[in-house]
Amino acid sequence: MRPVRVTVGALGVSNPIILDHYQRPFSVGIGAALSAGASLTFSIEHTFDDVFAASFNPATAVWYSDTSLSSKTASTTGNYAYPVMAIRINVTAYTSGSVTMTVIQAGIPGG
């Protein structure tokens, strides 16, 4: 998968980035970078809900904070080794700036 980037510059969440849960190995790398002078707190969250279901709504989906990527106030990196359906940024405290998350998924489709 090509790198996918989302940016949040206010309180709230990004659009979800849908991952290929059939990839083997799953292998998702995440980098979250704050803009210069940013003052905010964010978490990276994931869902197991079926993002392809006609009834899927990101606002009502069940989102879980990644324990190693939660309540961050500085740029950070992390990864997912096991399948999730989608990830997003959740900015929970905001004064200024933005956070940009870059996601790269490796693996062989359906392998």
PDB file of N, CA and C in Angstrom:
ATOM      1  N   MET A   1       0.843  -1.174   0.000  1.00  0.00           N
ATOM      2  CA  MET A   1       0.000   0.000   0.000  1.00  0.00           C
ATOM      3  C   MET A   1       0.887   1.236   0.000  1.00  0.00           C
ATOM      4  N   ARG A   2       0.502   2.202  -0.767  1.00  0.00           N
ATOM      5  CA  ARG A   2       1.216   3.472  -0.756  1.00  0.00           C
ATOM      6  C   ARG A   2       0.977   4.170   0.571  1.00  0.00           C
ATOM      7  N   PRO A   3       1.893   5.042   0.991  1.00  0.00           N
ATOM      8  CA  PRO A   3       1.655   5.768   2.234  1.00  0.00           C
ATOM      9  C   PRO A   3       0.354   6.577   2.153  1.00  0.00           C
ATOM     10  N   VAL A   4      -0.391   6.571   3.244  1.00  0.00           N
ATOM     11  CA  VAL A   4      -1.624   7.347   3.352  1.00  0.00           C
ATOM     12  C   VAL A   4      -1.422   8.338   4.495  1.00  0.00           C
ATOM     13  N   ARG A   5      -1.812   9.594   4.272  1.00  0.00           N
ATOM     14  CA  ARG A   5      -1.638  10.629   5.296  1.00  0.00           C
ATOM     15  C   ARG A   5      -2.974  11.310   5.599  1.00  0.00           C
ATOM     16  N   VAL A   6      -3.183  11.559   6.887  1.00  0.00           N
ATOM     17  CA  VAL A   6      -4.321  12.361   7.331  1.00  0.00           C
ATOM     18  C   VAL A   6      -3.796  13.373   8.346  1.00  0.00           C
ATOM     19  N   THR A   7      -4.410  14.557   8.361  1.00  0.00           N
ATOM     20  CA  THR A   7      -4.000  15.626   9.270  1.00  0.00           C
ATOM     21  C   THR A   7      -5.204  16.126  10.035  1.00  0.00           C
ATOM     22  N   VAL A   8      -5.004  16.395  11.328  1.00  0.00           N
ATOM     23  CA  VAL A   8      -6.040  16.991  12.162  1.00  0.00           C
ATOM     24  C   VAL A   8      -5.433  18.224  12.816  1.00  0.00           C
ATOM     25  N   GLY A   9      -6.130  19.361  12.697  1.00  0.00           N
ATOM     26  CA  GLY A   9      -5.651  20.620  13.257  1.00  0.00           C
ATOM     27  C   GLY A   9      -6.689  21.276  14.142  1.00  0.00           C
ATOM     28  N   ALA A  10      -7.425  20.483  14.907  1.00  0.00           N
ATOM     29  CA  ALA A  10      -8.461  20.984  15.825  1.00  0.00           C
ATOM     30  C   ALA A  10      -8.870  19.816  16.717  1.00  0.00           C
ATOM     31  N   LEU A  11      -9.754  20.074  17.668  1.00  0.00           N
ATOM     32  CA  LEU A  11     -10.327  18.967  18.433  1.00  0.00           C
ATOM     33  C   LEU A  11     -11.130  18.103  17.493  1.00  0.00           C
ATOM     34  N   GLY A  12     -11.028  16.786  17.622  1.00  0.00           N
ATOM     35  CA  GLY A  12     -11.820  15.894  16.788  1.00  0.00           C
ATOM     36  C   GLY A  12     -11.000  14.779  16.191  1.00  0.00           C
ATOM     37  N   VAL A  13     -11.609  14.067  15.265  1.00  0.00           N
ATOM     38  CA  VAL A  13     -11.001  12.869  14.688  1.00  0.00           C
ATOM     39  C   VAL A  13     -10.774  13.031  13.186  1.00  0.00           C
ATOM     40  N   SER A  14      -9.826  12.248  12.686  1.00  0.00           N
ATOM     41  CA  SER A  14      -9.577  12.213  11.243  1.00  0.00           C
ATOM     42  C   SER A  14     -10.555  11.249  10.597  1.00  0.00           C
ATOM     43  N   ASN A  15     -10.601  11.277   9.282  1.00  0.00           N
ATOM     44  CA  ASN A  15     -11.288  10.211   8.562  1.00  0.00           C
ATOM     45  C   ASN A  15     -10.530   8.922   8.842  1.00  0.00           C
ATOM     46  N   PRO A  16     -11.227   7.796   8.904  1.00  0.00           N
ATOM     47  CA  PRO A  16     -10.520   6.536   9.134  1.00  0.00           C
ATOM     48  C   PRO A  16      -9.703   6.123   7.915  1.00  0.00           C
ATOM     49  N   ILE A  17      -8.577   5.487   8.182  1.00  0.00           N
ATOM     50  CA  ILE A  17      -7.776   4.882   7.125  1.00  0.00           C
ATOM     51  C   ILE A  17      -8.095   3.392   7.165  1.00  0.00           C
ATOM     52  N   ILE A  18      -8.683   2.900   6.091  1.00  0.00           N
ATOM     53  CA  ILE A  18      -9.077   1.499   6.017  1.00  0.00           C
ATOM     54  C   ILE A  18      -7.862   0.663   5.631  1.00  0.00           C
ATOM     55  N   LEU A  19      -7.652  -0.417   6.366  1.00  0.00           N
ATOM     56  CA  LEU A  19      -6.518  -1.303   6.139  1.00  0.00           C
ATOM     57  C   LEU A  19      -6.992  -2.610   5.515  1.00  0.00           C
ATOM     58  N   ASP A  20      -6.049  -3.323   4.898  1.00  0.00           N
ATOM     59  CA  ASP A  20      -6.373  -4.613   4.278  1.00  0.00           C
ATOM     60  C   ASP A  20      -6.112  -5.712   5.298  1.00  0.00           C
ATOM     61  N   HIS A  21      -7.172  -6.177   5.957  1.00  0.00           N
ATOM     62  CA  HIS A  21      -6.996  -7.182   7.005  1.00  0.00           C
ATOM     63  C   HIS A  21      -6.635  -8.559   6.440  1.00  0.00           C
ATOM     64  N   TYR A  22      -6.621  -8.704   5.120  1.00  0.00           N
ATOM     65  CA  TYR A  22      -6.202  -9.958   4.482  1.00  0.00           C
ATOM     66  C   TYR A  22      -4.698 -10.004   4.203  1.00  0.00           C
ATOM     67  N   GLN A  23      -3.991  -8.881   4.368  1.00  0.00           N
ATOM     68  CA  GLN A  23      -2.546  -8.856   4.105  1.00  0.00           C
ATOM     69  C   GLN A  23      -1.826  -9.832   5.022  1.00  0.00           C
ATOM     70  N   ARG A  24      -0.849 -10.559   4.479  1.00  0.00           N
ATOM     71  CA  ARG A  24      -0.026 -11.480   5.266  1.00  0.00           C
ATOM     72  C   ARG A  24       1.440 -11.210   4.959  1.00  0.00           C
ATOM     73  N   PRO A  25       2.245 -10.831   5.915  1.00  0.00           N
ATOM     74  CA  PRO A  25       1.850 -10.442   7.260  1.00  0.00           C
ATOM     75  C   PRO A  25       1.128  -9.104   7.240  1.00  0.00           C
ATOM     76  N   PHE A  26       0.411  -8.804   8.314  1.00  0.00           N
ATOM     77  CA  PHE A  26      -0.400  -7.588   8.362  1.00  0.00           C
ATOM     78  C   PHE A  26       0.480  -6.334   8.331  1.00  0.00           C
ATOM     79  N   SER A  27       1.432  -6.195   9.193  1.00  0.00           N
ATOM     80  CA  SER A  27       2.518  -5.201   9.176  1.00  0.00           C
ATOM     81  C   SER A  27       2.113  -3.780   8.781  1.00  0.00           C
ATOM     82  N   VAL A  28       1.669  -2.993   9.747  1.00  0.00           N
ATOM     83  CA  VAL A  28       1.313  -1.594   9.511  1.00  0.00           C
ATOM     84  C   VAL A  28       2.242  -0.709  10.322  1.00  0.00           C
ATOM     85  N   GLY A  29       2.928   0.195   9.642  1.00  0.00           N
ATOM     86  CA  GLY A  29       3.780   1.183  10.308  1.00  0.00           C
ATOM     87  C   GLY A  29       3.063   2.515  10.377  1.00  0.00           C
ATOM     88  N   ILE A  30       3.221   3.216  11.513  1.00  0.00           N
ATOM     89  CA  ILE A  30       2.537   4.488  11.739  1.00  0.00           C
ATOM     90  C   ILE A  30       3.552   5.519  12.216  1.00  0.00           C
ATOM     91  N   GLY A  31       3.487   6.702  11.631  1.00  0.00           N
ATOM     92  CA  GLY A  31       4.253   7.842  12.113  1.00  0.00           C
ATOM     93  C   GLY A  31       3.295   8.995  12.324  1.00  0.00           C
ATOM     94  N   ALA A  32       3.358   9.624  13.477  1.00  0.00           N
ATOM     95  CA  ALA A  32       2.500  10.779  13.766  1.00  0.00           C
ATOM     96  C   ALA A  32       3.415  11.959  14.083  1.00  0.00           C
ATOM     97  N   ALA A  33       3.352  12.994  13.255  1.00  0.00           N
ATOM     98  CA  ALA A  33       4.241  14.140  13.386  1.00  0.00           C
ATOM     99  C   ALA A  33       3.463  15.400  13.702  1.00  0.00           C
ATOM    100  N   LEU A  34       3.885  16.105  14.744  1.00  0.00           N
ATOM    101  CA  LEU A  34       3.272  17.380  15.097  1.00  0.00           C
ATOM    102  C   LEU A  34       3.923  18.490  14.286  1.00  0.00           C
ATOM    103  N   SER A  35       3.140  19.494  13.927  1.00  0.00           N
ATOM    104  CA  SER A  35       3.684  20.656  13.236  1.00  0.00           C
ATOM    105  C   SER A  35       4.524  21.465  14.225  1.00  0.00           C
ATOM    106  N   ALA A  36       5.383  22.321  13.694  1.00  0.00           N
ATOM    107  CA  ALA A  36       6.242  23.148  14.546  1.00  0.00           C
ATOM    108  C   ALA A  36       5.393  23.982  15.496  1.00  0.00           C
ATOM    109  N   GLY A  37       5.727  23.959  16.761  1.00  0.00           N
ATOM    110  CA  GLY A  37       5.027  24.756  17.759  1.00  0.00           C
ATOM    111  C   GLY A  37       3.661  24.235  18.159  1.00  0.00           C
ATOM    112  N   ALA A  38       3.304  23.028  17.720  1.00  0.00           N
ATOM    113  CA  ALA A  38       1.973  22.478  18.040  1.00  0.00           C
ATOM    114  C   ALA A  38       1.836  22.232  19.540  1.00  0.00           C
ATOM    115  N   SER A  39       0.627  22.482  20.035  1.00  0.00           N
ATOM    116  CA  SER A  39       0.285  22.201  21.430  1.00  0.00           C
ATOM    117  C   SER A  39      -1.052  21.468  21.410  1.00  0.00           C
ATOM    118  N   LEU A  40      -0.971  20.141  21.435  1.00  0.00           N
ATOM    119  CA  LEU A  40      -2.174  19.314  21.380  1.00  0.00           C
ATOM    120  C   LEU A  40      -1.877  17.936  21.949  1.00  0.00           C
ATOM    121  N   THR A  41      -2.938  17.197  22.248  1.00  0.00           N
ATOM    122  CA  THR A  41      -2.834  15.822  22.733  1.00  0.00           C
ATOM    123  C   THR A  41      -3.649  14.951  21.796  1.00  0.00           C
ATOM    124  N   PHE A  42      -3.067  13.815  21.398  1.00  0.00           N
ATOM    125  CA  PHE A  42      -3.764  12.944  20.453  1.00  0.00           C
ATOM    126  C   PHE A  42      -3.546  11.483  20.801  1.00  0.00           C
ATOM    127  N   SER A  43      -4.416  10.645  20.264  1.00  0.00           N
ATOM    128  CA  SER A  43      -4.289   9.185  20.360  1.00  0.00           C
ATOM    129  C   SER A  43      -4.529   8.595  18.982  1.00  0.00           C
ATOM    130  N   ILE A  44      -3.893   7.464  18.727  1.00  0.00           N
ATOM    131  CA  ILE A  44      -4.182   6.677  17.529  1.00  0.00           C
ATOM    132  C   ILE A  44      -5.173   5.599  17.964  1.00  0.00           C
ATOM    133  N   GLU A  45      -6.267   5.483  17.232  1.00  0.00           N
ATOM    134  CA  GLU A  45      -7.328   4.545  17.581  1.00  0.00           C
ATOM    135  C   GLU A  45      -7.573   3.573  16.436  1.00  0.00           C
ATOM    136  N   HIS A  46      -8.107   2.391  16.777  1.00  0.00           N
ATOM    137  CA  HIS A  46      -8.440   1.387  15.765  1.00  0.00           C
ATOM    138  C   HIS A  46      -9.829   0.817  16.036  1.00  0.00           C
ATOM    139  N   THR A  47     -10.408   0.243  14.993  1.00  0.00           N
ATOM    140  CA  THR A  47     -11.709  -0.415  15.123  1.00  0.00           C
ATOM    141  C   THR A  47     -11.657  -1.800  14.496  1.00  0.00           C
ATOM    142  N   PHE A  48     -12.482  -2.679  15.052  1.00  0.00           N
ATOM    143  CA  PHE A  48     -12.675  -4.006  14.481  1.00  0.00           C
ATOM    144  C   PHE A  48     -14.007  -4.072  13.733  1.00  0.00           C
ATOM    145  N   ASP A  49     -14.774  -2.981  13.755  1.00  0.00           N
ATOM    146  CA  ASP A  49     -16.066  -2.951  13.072  1.00  0.00           C
ATOM    147  C   ASP A  49     -15.869  -3.124  11.564  1.00  0.00           C
ATOM    148  N   ASP A  50     -16.862  -3.707  10.915  1.00  0.00           N
ATOM    149  CA  ASP A  50     -16.802  -3.955   9.477  1.00  0.00           C
ATOM    150  C   ASP A  50     -17.003  -2.651   8.714  1.00  0.00           C
ATOM    151  N   VAL A  51     -15.901  -2.066   8.267  1.00  0.00           N
ATOM    152  CA  VAL A  51     -15.961  -0.779   7.573  1.00  0.00           C
ATOM    153  C   VAL A  51     -16.623  -0.886   6.202  1.00  0.00           C
ATOM    154  N   PHE A  52     -16.822  -2.106   5.701  1.00  0.00           N
ATOM    155  CA  PHE A  52     -17.454  -2.299   4.403  1.00  0.00           C
ATOM    156  C   PHE A  52     -18.950  -2.567   4.509  1.00  0.00           C
ATOM    157  N   ALA A  53     -19.461  -2.682   5.726  1.00  0.00           N
ATOM    158  CA  ALA A  53     -20.901  -2.898   5.924  1.00  0.00           C
ATOM    159  C   ALA A  53     -21.665  -1.632   5.541  1.00  0.00           C
ATOM    160  N   ALA A  54     -22.813  -1.804   4.936  1.00  0.00           N
ATOM    161  CA  ALA A  54     -23.637  -0.659   4.537  1.00  0.00           C
ATOM    162  C   ALA A  54     -24.007   0.205   5.732  1.00  0.00           C
ATOM    163  N   SER A  55     -24.082  -0.394   6.902  1.00  0.00           N
ATOM    164  CA  SER A  55     -24.481   0.346   8.107  1.00  0.00           C
ATOM    165  C   SER A  55     -23.304   0.985   8.847  1.00  0.00           C
ATOM    166  N   PHE A  56     -22.064   0.813   8.348  1.00  0.00           N
ATOM    167  CA  PHE A  56     -20.905   1.366   9.059  1.00  0.00           C
ATOM    168  C   PHE A  56     -20.982   2.886   9.111  1.00  0.00           C
ATOM    169  N   ASN A  57     -20.778   3.420  10.305  1.00  0.00           N
ATOM    170  CA  ASN A  57     -20.738   4.862  10.524  1.00  0.00           C
ATOM    171  C   ASN A  57     -19.561   5.127  11.455  1.00  0.00           C
ATOM    172  N   PRO A  58     -18.520   5.848  11.002  1.00  0.00           N
ATOM    173  CA  PRO A  58     -17.363   6.088  11.861  1.00  0.00           C
ATOM    174  C   PRO A  58     -17.722   6.747  13.197  1.00  0.00           C
ATOM    175  N   ALA A  59     -18.770   7.546  13.201  1.00  0.00           N
ATOM    176  CA  ALA A  59     -19.157   8.248  14.432  1.00  0.00           C
ATOM    177  C   ALA A  59     -19.742   7.312  15.485  1.00  0.00           C
ATOM    178  N   THR A  60     -20.301   6.182  15.054  1.00  0.00           N
ATOM    179  CA  THR A  60     -20.903   5.254  16.014  1.00  0.00           C
ATOM    180  C   THR A  60     -20.131   3.937  16.133  1.00  0.00           C
ATOM    181  N   ALA A  61     -19.043   3.809  15.397  1.00  0.00           N
ATOM    182  CA  ALA A  61     -18.210   2.604  15.486  1.00  0.00           C
ATOM    183  C   ALA A  61     -17.545   2.544  16.865  1.00  0.00           C
ATOM    184  N   VAL A  62     -17.106   1.359  17.239  1.00  0.00           N
ATOM    185  CA  VAL A  62     -16.365   1.191  18.493  1.00  0.00           C
ATOM    186  C   VAL A  62     -14.884   1.391  18.186  1.00  0.00           C
ATOM    187  N   TRP A  63     -14.289   2.428  18.785  1.00  0.00           N
ATOM    188  CA  TRP A  63     -12.883   2.758  18.576  1.00  0.00           C
ATOM    189  C   TRP A  63     -12.120   2.491  19.859  1.00  0.00           C
ATOM    190  N   TYR A  64     -10.930   1.908  19.726  1.00  0.00           N
ATOM    191  CA  TYR A  64     -10.062   1.586  20.857  1.00  0.00           C
ATOM    192  C   TYR A  64      -8.774   2.382  20.714  1.00  0.00           C
ATOM    193  N   SER A  65      -8.323   3.000  21.801  1.00  0.00           N
ATOM    194  CA  SER A  65      -7.027   3.681  21.778  1.00  0.00           C
ATOM    195  C   SER A  65      -5.924   2.642  21.831  1.00  0.00           C
ATOM    196  N   ASP A  66      -4.930   2.799  20.979  1.00  0.00           N
ATOM    197  CA  ASP A  66      -3.767   1.936  21.037  1.00  0.00           C
ATOM    198  C   ASP A  66      -2.984   2.327  22.288  1.00  0.00           C
ATOM    199  N   THR A  67      -2.731   1.379  23.185  1.00  0.00           N
ATOM    200  CA  THR A  67      -2.120   1.703  24.478  1.00  0.00           C
ATOM    201  C   THR A  67      -0.748   2.368  24.350  1.00  0.00           C
ATOM    202  N   SER A  68       0.009   2.025  23.318  1.00  0.00           N
ATOM    203  CA  SER A  68       1.330   2.642  23.155  1.00  0.00           C
ATOM    204  C   SER A  68       1.280   3.951  22.370  1.00  0.00           C
ATOM    205  N   LEU A  69       0.123   4.291  21.812  1.00  0.00           N
ATOM    206  CA  LEU A  69      -0.019   5.516  21.015  1.00  0.00           C
ATOM    207  C   LEU A  69      -1.158   6.387  21.545  1.00  0.00           C
ATOM    208  N   SER A  70      -1.306   6.439  22.861  1.00  0.00           N
ATOM    209  CA  SER A  70      -2.420   7.165  23.449  1.00  0.00           C
ATOM    210  C   SER A  70      -1.915   8.334  24.296  1.00  0.00           C
ATOM    211  N   SER A  71      -2.673   9.425  24.271  1.00  0.00           N
ATOM    212  CA  SER A  71      -2.369  10.643  25.053  1.00  0.00           C
ATOM    213  C   SER A  71      -0.973  11.193  24.743  1.00  0.00           C
ATOM    214  N   LYS A  72      -0.634  11.263  23.475  1.00  0.00           N
ATOM    215  CA  LYS A  72       0.679  11.747  23.046  1.00  0.00           C
ATOM    216  C   LYS A  72       0.663  13.263  22.859  1.00  0.00           C
ATOM    217  N   THR A  73       1.776  13.904  23.220  1.00  0.00           N
ATOM    218  CA  THR A  73       1.917  15.350  23.060  1.00  0.00           C
ATOM    219  C   THR A  73       3.134  15.700  22.200  1.00  0.00           C
ATOM    220  N   ALA A  74       3.762  14.681  21.619  1.00  0.00           N
ATOM    221  CA  ALA A  74       4.930  14.873  20.759  1.00  0.00           C
ATOM    222  C   ALA A  74       4.853  13.874  19.608  1.00  0.00           C
ATOM    223  N   SER A  75       5.642  14.105  18.580  1.00  0.00           N
ATOM    224  CA  SER A  75       5.697  13.184  17.448  1.00  0.00           C
ATOM    225  C   SER A  75       6.089  11.795  17.939  1.00  0.00           C
ATOM    226  N   THR A  76       5.554  10.763  17.290  1.00  0.00           N
ATOM    227  CA  THR A  76       5.799   9.395  17.739  1.00  0.00           C
ATOM    228  C   THR A  76       5.631   8.421  16.579  1.00  0.00           C
ATOM    229  N   THR A  77       6.071   7.192  16.779  1.00  0.00           N
ATOM    230  CA  THR A  77       5.868   6.132  15.799  1.00  0.00           C
ATOM    231  C   THR A  77       5.339   4.890  16.504  1.00  0.00           C
ATOM    232  N   GLY A  78       4.763   3.985  15.726  1.00  0.00           N
ATOM    233  CA  GLY A  78       4.252   2.740  16.279  1.00  0.00           C
ATOM    234  C   GLY A  78       3.895   1.797  15.161  1.00  0.00           C
ATOM    235  N   ASN A  79       3.261   0.673  15.520  1.00  0.00           N
ATOM    236  CA  ASN A  79       2.895  -0.295  14.493  1.00  0.00           C
ATOM    237  C   ASN A  79       1.756  -1.175  14.974  1.00  0.00           C
ATOM    238  N   TYR A  80       1.136  -1.833  14.018  1.00  0.00           N
ATOM    239  CA  TYR A  80       0.140  -2.868  14.272  1.00  0.00           C
ATOM    240  C   TYR A  80       0.636  -4.143  13.605  1.00  0.00           C
ATOM    241  N   ALA A  81       0.809  -5.191  14.389  1.00  0.00           N
ATOM    242  CA  ALA A  81       1.246  -6.474  13.855  1.00  0.00           C
ATOM    243  C   ALA A  81       0.073  -7.401  13.582  1.00  0.00           C
ATOM    244  N   TYR A  82      -1.083  -7.103  14.192  1.00  0.00           N
ATOM    245  CA  TYR A  82      -2.257  -7.962  14.068  1.00  0.00           C
ATOM    246  C   TYR A  82      -3.398  -7.176  13.446  1.00  0.00           C
ATOM    247  N   PRO A  83      -4.269  -7.832  12.693  1.00  0.00           N
ATOM    248  CA  PRO A  83      -5.292  -7.140  11.906  1.00  0.00           C
ATOM    249  C   PRO A  83      -6.277  -6.296  12.711  1.00  0.00           C
ATOM    250  N   VAL A  84      -6.506  -5.113  12.190  1.00  0.00           N
ATOM    251  CA  VAL A  84      -7.609  -4.234  12.583  1.00  0.00           C
ATOM    252  C   VAL A  84      -8.231  -3.754  11.278  1.00  0.00           C
ATOM    253  N   MET A  85      -9.436  -3.229  11.341  1.00  0.00           N
ATOM    254  CA  MET A  85     -10.123  -2.816  10.110  1.00  0.00           C
ATOM    255  C   MET A  85      -9.741  -1.406   9.658  1.00  0.00           C
ATOM    256  N   ALA A  86      -9.552  -0.489  10.616  1.00  0.00           N
ATOM    257  CA  ALA A  86      -9.228   0.895  10.263  1.00  0.00           C
ATOM    258  C   ALA A  86      -8.576   1.579  11.454  1.00  0.00           C
ATOM    259  N   ILE A  87      -7.836   2.660  11.177  1.00  0.00           N
ATOM    260  CA  ILE A  87      -7.246   3.469  12.240  1.00  0.00           C
ATOM    261  C   ILE A  87      -7.542   4.935  11.961  1.00  0.00           C
ATOM    262  N   ARG A  88      -7.429   5.746  13.018  1.00  0.00           N
ATOM    263  CA  ARG A  88      -7.660   7.181  12.886  1.00  0.00           C
ATOM    264  C   ARG A  88      -6.886   7.914  13.978  1.00  0.00           C
ATOM    265  N   ILE A  89      -6.809   9.239  13.852  1.00  0.00           N
ATOM    266  CA  ILE A  89      -6.257  10.115  14.889  1.00  0.00           C
ATOM    267  C   ILE A  89      -7.428  10.703  15.653  1.00  0.00           C
ATOM    268  N   ASN A  90      -7.288  10.799  16.968  1.00  0.00           N
ATOM    269  CA  ASN A  90      -8.271  11.493  17.792  1.00  0.00           C
ATOM    270  C   ASN A  90      -7.535  12.558  18.597  1.00  0.00           C
ATOM    271  N   VAL A  91      -7.777  13.833  18.279  1.00  0.00           N
ATOM    272  CA  VAL A  91      -7.177  14.935  19.018  1.00  0.00           C
ATOM    273  C   VAL A  91      -8.118  15.267  20.178  1.00  0.00           C
ATOM    274  N   THR A  92      -7.618  15.069  21.407  1.00  0.00           N
ATOM    275  CA  THR A  92      -8.452  15.195  22.604  1.00  0.00           C
ATOM    276  C   THR A  92      -8.236  16.495  23.366  1.00  0.00           C
ATOM    277  N   ALA A  93      -7.141  17.187  23.096  1.00  0.00           N
ATOM    278  CA  ALA A  93      -6.888  18.507  23.692  1.00  0.00           C
ATOM    279  C   ALA A  93      -6.169  19.327  22.631  1.00  0.00           C
ATOM    280  N   TYR A  94      -6.583  20.587  22.492  1.00  0.00           N
ATOM    281  CA  TYR A  94      -6.045  21.383  21.389  1.00  0.00           C
ATOM    282  C   TYR A  94      -5.867  22.839  21.788  1.00  0.00           C
ATOM    283  N   THR A  95      -4.672  23.360  21.503  1.00  0.00           N
ATOM    284  CA  THR A  95      -4.405  24.787  21.624  1.00  0.00           C
ATOM    285  C   THR A  95      -3.977  25.349  20.278  1.00  0.00           C
ATOM    286  N   SER A  96      -3.030  24.642  19.616  1.00  0.00           N
ATOM    287  CA  SER A  96      -2.538  25.119  18.316  1.00  0.00           C
ATOM    288  C   SER A  96      -1.862  23.997  17.547  1.00  0.00           C
ATOM    289  N   GLY A  97      -1.662  24.236  16.248  1.00  0.00           N
ATOM    290  CA  GLY A  97      -0.913  23.319  15.399  1.00  0.00           C
ATOM    291  C   GLY A  97      -1.739  22.178  14.848  1.00  0.00           C
ATOM    292  N   SER A  98      -1.039  21.139  14.395  1.00  0.00           N
ATOM    293  CA  SER A  98      -1.707  19.975  13.797  1.00  0.00           C
ATOM    294  C   SER A  98      -0.851  18.736  13.991  1.00  0.00           C
ATOM    295  N   VAL A  99      -1.483  17.595  13.786  1.00  0.00           N
ATOM    296  CA  VAL A  99      -0.778  16.310  13.791  1.00  0.00           C
ATOM    297  C   VAL A  99      -1.103  15.610  12.479  1.00  0.00           C
ATOM    298  N   THR A 100      -0.071  15.095  11.837  1.00  0.00           N
ATOM    299  CA  THR A 100      -0.225  14.352  10.587  1.00  0.00           C
ATOM    300  C   THR A 100       0.227  12.921  10.810  1.00  0.00           C
ATOM    301  N   MET A 101      -0.667  11.983  10.495  1.00  0.00           N
ATOM    302  CA  MET A 101      -0.356  10.567  10.621  1.00  0.00           C
ATOM    303  C   MET A 101      -0.083   9.999   9.232  1.00  0.00           C
ATOM    304  N   THR A 102       1.040   9.290   9.108  1.00  0.00           N
ATOM    305  CA  THR A 102       1.372   8.571   7.875  1.00  0.00           C
ATOM    306  C   THR A 102       1.298   7.083   8.185  1.00  0.00           C
ATOM    307  N   VAL A 103       0.587   6.346   7.323  1.00  0.00           N
ATOM    308  CA  VAL A 103       0.381   4.908   7.517  1.00  0.00           C
ATOM    309  C   VAL A 103       0.909   4.176   6.292  1.00  0.00           C
ATOM    310  N   ILE A 104       1.714   3.131   6.536  1.00  0.00           N
ATOM    311  CA  ILE A 104       2.217   2.284   5.455  1.00  0.00           C
ATOM    312  C   ILE A 104       1.928   0.834   5.848  1.00  0.00           C
ATOM    313  N   GLN A 105       1.298   0.082   4.942  1.00  0.00           N
ATOM    314  CA  GLN A 105       1.028  -1.323   5.189  1.00  0.00           C
ATOM    315  C   GLN A 105       1.789  -2.169   4.191  1.00  0.00           C
ATOM    316  N   ALA A 106       2.503  -3.168   4.714  1.00  0.00           N
ATOM    317  CA  ALA A 106       3.271  -4.088   3.878  1.00  0.00           C
ATOM    318  C   ALA A 106       2.569  -5.439   3.863  1.00  0.00           C
ATOM    319  N   GLY A 107       3.074  -6.347   3.082  1.00  0.00           N
ATOM    320  CA  GLY A 107       2.521  -7.702   3.068  1.00  0.00           C
ATOM    321  C   GLY A 107       2.087  -8.104   1.676  1.00  0.00           C
ATOM    322  N   ILE A 108       1.665  -9.355   1.572  1.00  0.00           N
ATOM    323  CA  ILE A 108       1.188  -9.905   0.299  1.00  0.00           C
ATOM    324  C   ILE A 108      -0.320 -10.025   0.396  1.00  0.00           C
ATOM    325  N   PRO A 109      -1.074  -9.347  -0.490  1.00  0.00           N
ATOM    326  CA  PRO A 109      -2.539  -9.398  -0.413  1.00  0.00           C
ATOM    327  C   PRO A 109      -3.051 -10.839  -0.388  1.00  0.00           C
ATOM    328  N   GLY A 110      -3.840 -11.145   0.634  1.00  0.00           N
ATOM    329  CA  GLY A 110      -4.472 -12.453   0.729  1.00  0.00           C
ATOM    330  C   GLY A 110      -3.497 -13.611   0.868  1.00  0.00           C
ATOM    331  N   GLY A 111      -2.204 -13.300   1.099  1.00  0.00           N
ATOM    332  CA  GLY A 111      -1.189 -14.327   1.146  1.00  0.00           C
ATOM    333  C   GLY A 111      -1.203 -15.101   2.339  1.00  0.00           C
TER     334      GLY A 111
END
